[in-house]
Amino acid sequence: MERAVFVYTTYPSVVEAEQAGRRLVERRLAACVNILPGMISHYRWEGQVERGEEVVMIVKTRAALAEDVRAAVKASHPYTTPAIVFLPVEGGDPAYLGWIVAESQGEGQG
Protein backbone atom coordinates (compact mmCIF):
# COMPACT_ATOMS: atom_id res chain seq x y z
CA MET A 1 0.00 0.00 0.00
CA GLU A 2 1.14 3.53 -0.69
CA ARG A 3 2.36 5.50 2.31
CA ALA A 4 0.62 8.42 3.93
CA VAL A 5 2.37 11.73 4.47
CA PHE A 6 1.48 14.85 6.43
CA VAL A 7 2.18 18.24 4.88
CA TYR A 8 2.77 20.97 7.47
CA THR A 9 2.11 24.59 6.56
CA THR A 10 1.05 27.82 8.23
CA TYR A 11 -1.36 30.61 7.31
CA PRO A 12 -1.90 34.12 8.64
CA SER A 13 -5.57 33.48 9.51
CA VAL A 14 -8.14 30.76 10.10
CA VAL A 15 -10.20 32.04 7.18
CA GLU A 16 -7.32 31.64 4.71
CA ALA A 17 -6.39 28.22 6.10
CA GLU A 18 -10.00 27.01 5.90
CA GLN A 19 -10.36 28.18 2.31
CA ALA A 20 -7.11 26.51 1.26
CA GLY A 21 -7.84 23.34 3.22
CA ARG A 22 -11.32 22.94 1.81
CA ARG A 23 -9.99 23.32 -1.75
CA LEU A 24 -7.41 20.58 -1.11
CA VAL A 25 -10.08 18.17 0.17
CA GLU A 26 -12.53 19.07 -2.63
CA ARG A 27 -9.80 18.42 -5.22
CA ARG A 28 -9.05 15.08 -3.50
CA LEU A 29 -5.45 16.16 -2.91
CA ALA A 30 -6.04 15.48 0.80
CA ALA A 31 -8.21 13.17 2.84
CA CYS A 32 -8.31 15.65 5.70
CA VAL A 33 -6.79 18.91 6.91
CA ASN A 34 -6.41 19.91 10.54
CA ILE A 35 -6.39 23.63 11.28
CA LEU A 36 -4.91 24.71 14.60
CA PRO A 37 -5.37 28.41 15.41
CA GLY A 38 -3.50 30.41 18.00
CA MET A 39 0.14 29.78 17.10
CA ILE A 40 2.64 32.53 17.83
CA SER A 41 5.80 32.54 15.75
CA HIS A 42 9.08 34.35 16.27
CA TYR A 43 11.31 34.28 13.20
CA ARG A 44 13.99 36.12 11.29
CA TRP A 45 12.85 37.66 8.01
CA GLU A 46 14.82 40.05 5.81
CA GLY A 47 17.30 40.79 8.61
CA GLN A 48 14.72 41.49 11.30
CA VAL A 49 13.32 39.39 14.12
CA GLU A 50 9.55 39.28 13.66
CA ARG A 51 6.58 38.06 15.68
CA GLY A 52 3.44 36.79 14.05
CA GLU A 53 0.18 35.14 14.98
CA GLU A 54 -0.46 32.24 12.65
CA VAL A 55 -2.54 29.14 12.06
CA VAL A 56 -1.04 25.68 11.56
CA MET A 57 -2.53 23.46 8.89
CA ILE A 58 -1.66 19.77 8.67
CA VAL A 59 -2.66 18.18 5.38
CA LYS A 60 -3.13 14.40 5.39
CA THR A 61 -2.46 12.87 1.99
CA ARG A 62 -0.68 10.08 0.14
CA ALA A 63 3.05 10.39 -0.53
CA ALA A 64 2.56 10.49 -4.31
CA LEU A 65 0.46 13.67 -3.96
CA ALA A 66 2.79 15.60 -1.64
CA GLU A 67 4.31 17.64 -4.48
CA ASP A 68 0.84 18.41 -5.87
CA VAL A 69 -0.22 19.61 -2.41
CA ARG A 70 2.93 21.74 -2.16
CA ALA A 71 2.24 23.32 -5.54
CA ALA A 72 -1.42 23.99 -4.71
CA VAL A 73 -0.57 25.56 -1.35
CA LYS A 74 2.20 27.71 -2.82
CA ALA A 75 0.08 28.86 -5.79
CA SER A 76 -2.51 30.58 -3.62
CA HIS A 77 -0.58 31.27 -0.42
CA PRO A 78 -0.37 34.89 0.77
CA TYR A 79 3.24 34.49 2.01
CA THR A 80 6.20 34.95 -0.34
CA THR A 81 7.95 31.96 1.24
CA PRO A 82 5.36 29.80 3.01
CA ALA A 83 6.39 27.01 5.35
CA ILE A 84 5.65 23.77 3.49
CA VAL A 85 7.26 20.66 4.94
CA PHE A 86 6.59 16.98 4.23
CA LEU A 87 6.41 14.78 7.34
CA PRO A 88 6.58 11.07 6.51
CA VAL A 89 4.25 8.88 8.54
CA GLU A 90 6.23 5.96 9.90
CA GLY A 91 3.34 3.98 11.30
CA GLY A 92 -0.07 4.09 12.87
CA ASP A 93 -3.43 2.43 12.73
CA PRO A 94 -3.61 0.58 9.38
CA ALA A 95 -7.31 1.37 8.90
CA TYR A 96 -6.72 5.10 9.42
CA LEU A 97 -3.69 5.18 7.13
CA GLY A 98 -5.63 3.25 4.51
CA TRP A 99 -8.43 5.81 4.73
CA ILE A 100 -5.96 8.66 4.07
CA VAL A 101 -4.61 6.89 0.99
CA ALA A 102 -8.09 5.95 -0.27
CA GLU A 103 -9.52 9.46 0.12
CA SER A 104 -6.58 11.34 -1.39
CA GLN A 105 -6.71 10.23 -5.00
CA GLY A 106 -5.89 13.48 -6.78
CA GLU A 107 -8.09 15.36 -9.21
CA GLY A 108 -10.07 13.26 -11.63
CA GLN A 109 -9.38 10.04 -9.72
CA GLY A 110 -11.43 7.75 -7.48
C-alpha atoms as a PDB file:
ATOM      1  CA  MET A   1       0.000   0.000   0.000  1.00  0.00           C
ATOM      2  CA  GLU A   2       1.142   3.530  -0.693  1.00  0.00           C
ATOM      3  CA  ARG A   3       2.361   5.495   2.308  1.00  0.00           C
ATOM      4  CA  ALA A   4       0.621   8.422   3.931  1.00  0.00           C
ATOM      5  CA  VAL A   5       2.368  11.728   4.473  1.00  0.00           C
ATOM      6  CA  PHE A   6       1.476  14.850   6.426  1.00  0.00           C
ATOM      7  CA  VAL A   7       2.183  18.242   4.882  1.00  0.00           C
ATOM      8  CA  TYR A   8       2.770  20.968   7.474  1.00  0.00           C
ATOM      9  CA  THR A   9       2.111  24.587   6.562  1.00  0.00           C
ATOM     10  CA  THR A  10       1.047  27.818   8.229  1.00  0.00           C
ATOM     11  CA  TYR A  11      -1.361  30.613   7.311  1.00  0.00           C
ATOM     12  CA  PRO A  12      -1.899  34.121   8.642  1.00  0.00           C
ATOM     13  CA  SER A  13      -5.573  33.482   9.506  1.00  0.00           C
ATOM     14  CA  VAL A  14      -8.142  30.765  10.105  1.00  0.00           C
ATOM     15  CA  VAL A  15     -10.203  32.038   7.176  1.00  0.00           C
ATOM     16  CA  GLU A  16      -7.317  31.637   4.708  1.00  0.00           C
ATOM     17  CA  ALA A  17      -6.393  28.220   6.101  1.00  0.00           C
ATOM     18  CA  GLU A  18      -9.999  27.006   5.898  1.00  0.00           C
ATOM     19  CA  GLN A  19     -10.365  28.179   2.307  1.00  0.00           C
ATOM     20  CA  ALA A  20      -7.108  26.510   1.260  1.00  0.00           C
ATOM     21  CA  GLY A  21      -7.835  23.337   3.216  1.00  0.00           C
ATOM     22  CA  ARG A  22     -11.319  22.938   1.812  1.00  0.00           C
ATOM     23  CA  ARG A  23      -9.986  23.316  -1.746  1.00  0.00           C
ATOM     24  CA  LEU A  24      -7.410  20.576  -1.106  1.00  0.00           C
ATOM     25  CA  VAL A  25     -10.084  18.173   0.169  1.00  0.00           C
ATOM     26  CA  GLU A  26     -12.530  19.073  -2.626  1.00  0.00           C
ATOM     27  CA  ARG A  27      -9.800  18.423  -5.224  1.00  0.00           C
ATOM     28  CA  ARG A  28      -9.046  15.083  -3.498  1.00  0.00           C
ATOM     29  CA  LEU A  29      -5.451  16.160  -2.907  1.00  0.00           C
ATOM     30  CA  ALA A  30      -6.037  15.476   0.796  1.00  0.00           C
ATOM     31  CA  ALA A  31      -8.209  13.167   2.837  1.00  0.00           C
ATOM     32  CA  CYS A  32      -8.307  15.655   5.698  1.00  0.00           C
ATOM     33  CA  VAL A  33      -6.795  18.906   6.911  1.00  0.00           C
ATOM     34  CA  ASN A  34      -6.409  19.912  10.543  1.00  0.00           C
ATOM     35  CA  ILE A  35      -6.388  23.634  11.281  1.00  0.00           C
ATOM     36  CA  LEU A  36      -4.908  24.712  14.599  1.00  0.00           C
ATOM     37  CA  PRO A  37      -5.368  28.411  15.413  1.00  0.00           C
ATOM     38  CA  GLY A  38      -3.500  30.408  18.001  1.00  0.00           C
ATOM     39  CA  MET A  39       0.143  29.781  17.101  1.00  0.00           C
ATOM     40  CA  ILE A  40       2.644  32.533  17.829  1.00  0.00           C
ATOM     41  CA  SER A  41       5.800  32.540  15.746  1.00  0.00           C
ATOM     42  CA  HIS A  42       9.082  34.352  16.274  1.00  0.00           C
ATOM     43  CA  TYR A  43      11.308  34.275  13.203  1.00  0.00           C
ATOM     44  CA  ARG A  44      13.992  36.118  11.292  1.00  0.00           C
ATOM     45  CA  TRP A  45      12.850  37.656   8.006  1.00  0.00           C
ATOM     46  CA  GLU A  46      14.822  40.054   5.814  1.00  0.00           C
ATOM     47  CA  GLY A  47      17.301  40.790   8.607  1.00  0.00           C
ATOM     48  CA  GLN A  48      14.718  41.488  11.297  1.00  0.00           C
ATOM     49  CA  VAL A  49      13.315  39.387  14.123  1.00  0.00           C
ATOM     50  CA  GLU A  50       9.553  39.279  13.661  1.00  0.00           C
ATOM     51  CA  ARG A  51       6.582  38.058  15.679  1.00  0.00           C
ATOM     52  CA  GLY A  52       3.439  36.789  14.050  1.00  0.00           C
ATOM     53  CA  GLU A  53       0.182  35.135  14.977  1.00  0.00           C
ATOM     54  CA  GLU A  54      -0.457  32.242  12.647  1.00  0.00           C
ATOM     55  CA  VAL A  55      -2.537  29.143  12.062  1.00  0.00           C
ATOM     56  CA  VAL A  56      -1.045  25.677  11.559  1.00  0.00           C
ATOM     57  CA  MET A  57      -2.532  23.465   8.887  1.00  0.00           C
ATOM     58  CA  ILE A  58      -1.663  19.765   8.670  1.00  0.00           C
ATOM     59  CA  VAL A  59      -2.655  18.175   5.382  1.00  0.00           C
ATOM     60  CA  LYS A  60      -3.126  14.400   5.393  1.00  0.00           C
ATOM     61  CA  THR A  61      -2.460  12.866   1.989  1.00  0.00           C
ATOM     62  CA  ARG A  62      -0.678  10.084   0.138  1.00  0.00           C
ATOM     63  CA  ALA A  63       3.049  10.395  -0.527  1.00  0.00           C
ATOM     64  CA  ALA A  64       2.558  10.489  -4.307  1.00  0.00           C
ATOM     65  CA  LEU A  65       0.456  13.671  -3.965  1.00  0.00           C
ATOM     66  CA  ALA A  66       2.789  15.596  -1.636  1.00  0.00           C
ATOM     67  CA  GLU A  67       4.306  17.641  -4.480  1.00  0.00           C
ATOM     68  CA  ASP A  68       0.839  18.413  -5.874  1.00  0.00           C
ATOM     69  CA  VAL A  69      -0.224  19.611  -2.413  1.00  0.00           C
ATOM     70  CA  ARG A  70       2.925  21.735  -2.156  1.00  0.00           C
ATOM     71  CA  ALA A  71       2.241  23.323  -5.543  1.00  0.00           C
ATOM     72  CA  ALA A  72      -1.423  23.991  -4.709  1.00  0.00           C
ATOM     73  CA  VAL A  73      -0.566  25.561  -1.347  1.00  0.00           C
ATOM     74  CA  LYS A  74       2.197  27.705  -2.816  1.00  0.00           C
ATOM     75  CA  ALA A  75       0.084  28.857  -5.794  1.00  0.00           C
ATOM     76  CA  SER A  76      -2.515  30.579  -3.620  1.00  0.00           C
ATOM     77  CA  HIS A  77      -0.583  31.275  -0.419  1.00  0.00           C
ATOM     78  CA  PRO A  78      -0.368  34.893   0.772  1.00  0.00           C
ATOM     79  CA  TYR A  79       3.237  34.489   2.014  1.00  0.00           C
ATOM     80  CA  THR A  80       6.198  34.952  -0.336  1.00  0.00           C
ATOM     81  CA  THR A  81       7.945  31.956   1.238  1.00  0.00           C
ATOM     82  CA  PRO A  82       5.363  29.803   3.010  1.00  0.00           C
ATOM     83  CA  ALA A  83       6.394  27.014   5.346  1.00  0.00           C
ATOM     84  CA  ILE A  84       5.650  23.772   3.494  1.00  0.00           C
ATOM     85  CA  VAL A  85       7.259  20.656   4.935  1.00  0.00           C
ATOM     86  CA  PHE A  86       6.594  16.976   4.232  1.00  0.00           C
ATOM     87  CA  LEU A  87       6.414  14.782   7.337  1.00  0.00           C
ATOM     88  CA  PRO A  88       6.576  11.075   6.512  1.00  0.00           C
ATOM     89  CA  VAL A  89       4.251   8.881   8.542  1.00  0.00           C
ATOM     90  CA  GLU A  90       6.230   5.959   9.901  1.00  0.00           C
ATOM     91  CA  GLY A  91       3.339   3.980  11.297  1.00  0.00           C
ATOM     92  CA  GLY A  92      -0.068   4.089  12.874  1.00  0.00           C
ATOM     93  CA  ASP A  93      -3.432   2.429  12.729  1.00  0.00           C
ATOM     94  CA  PRO A  94      -3.608   0.578   9.381  1.00  0.00           C
ATOM     95  CA  ALA A  95      -7.305   1.372   8.900  1.00  0.00           C
ATOM     96  CA  TYR A  96      -6.722   5.099   9.418  1.00  0.00           C
ATOM     97  CA  LEU A  97      -3.689   5.185   7.130  1.00  0.00           C
ATOM     98  CA  GLY A  98      -5.635   3.247   4.505  1.00  0.00           C
ATOM     99  CA  TRP A  99      -8.435   5.808   4.726  1.00  0.00           C
ATOM    100  CA  ILE A 100      -5.963   8.656   4.075  1.00  0.00           C
ATOM    101  CA  VAL A 101      -4.611   6.889   0.990  1.00  0.00           C
ATOM    102  CA  ALA A 102      -8.094   5.954  -0.273  1.00  0.00           C
ATOM    103  CA  GLU A 103      -9.522   9.465   0.123  1.00  0.00           C
ATOM    104  CA  SER A 104      -6.578  11.341  -1.391  1.00  0.00           C
ATOM    105  CA  GLN A 105      -6.714  10.235  -5.002  1.00  0.00           C
ATOM    106  CA  GLY A 106      -5.885  13.477  -6.777  1.00  0.00           C
ATOM    107  CA  GLU A 107      -8.087  15.357  -9.207  1.00  0.00           C
ATOM    108  CA  GLY A 108     -10.067  13.257 -11.627  1.00  0.00           C
ATOM    109  CA  GLN A 109      -9.380  10.036  -9.719  1.00  0.00           C
ATOM    110  CA  GLY A 110     -11.435   7.753  -7.478  1.00  0.00           C
END
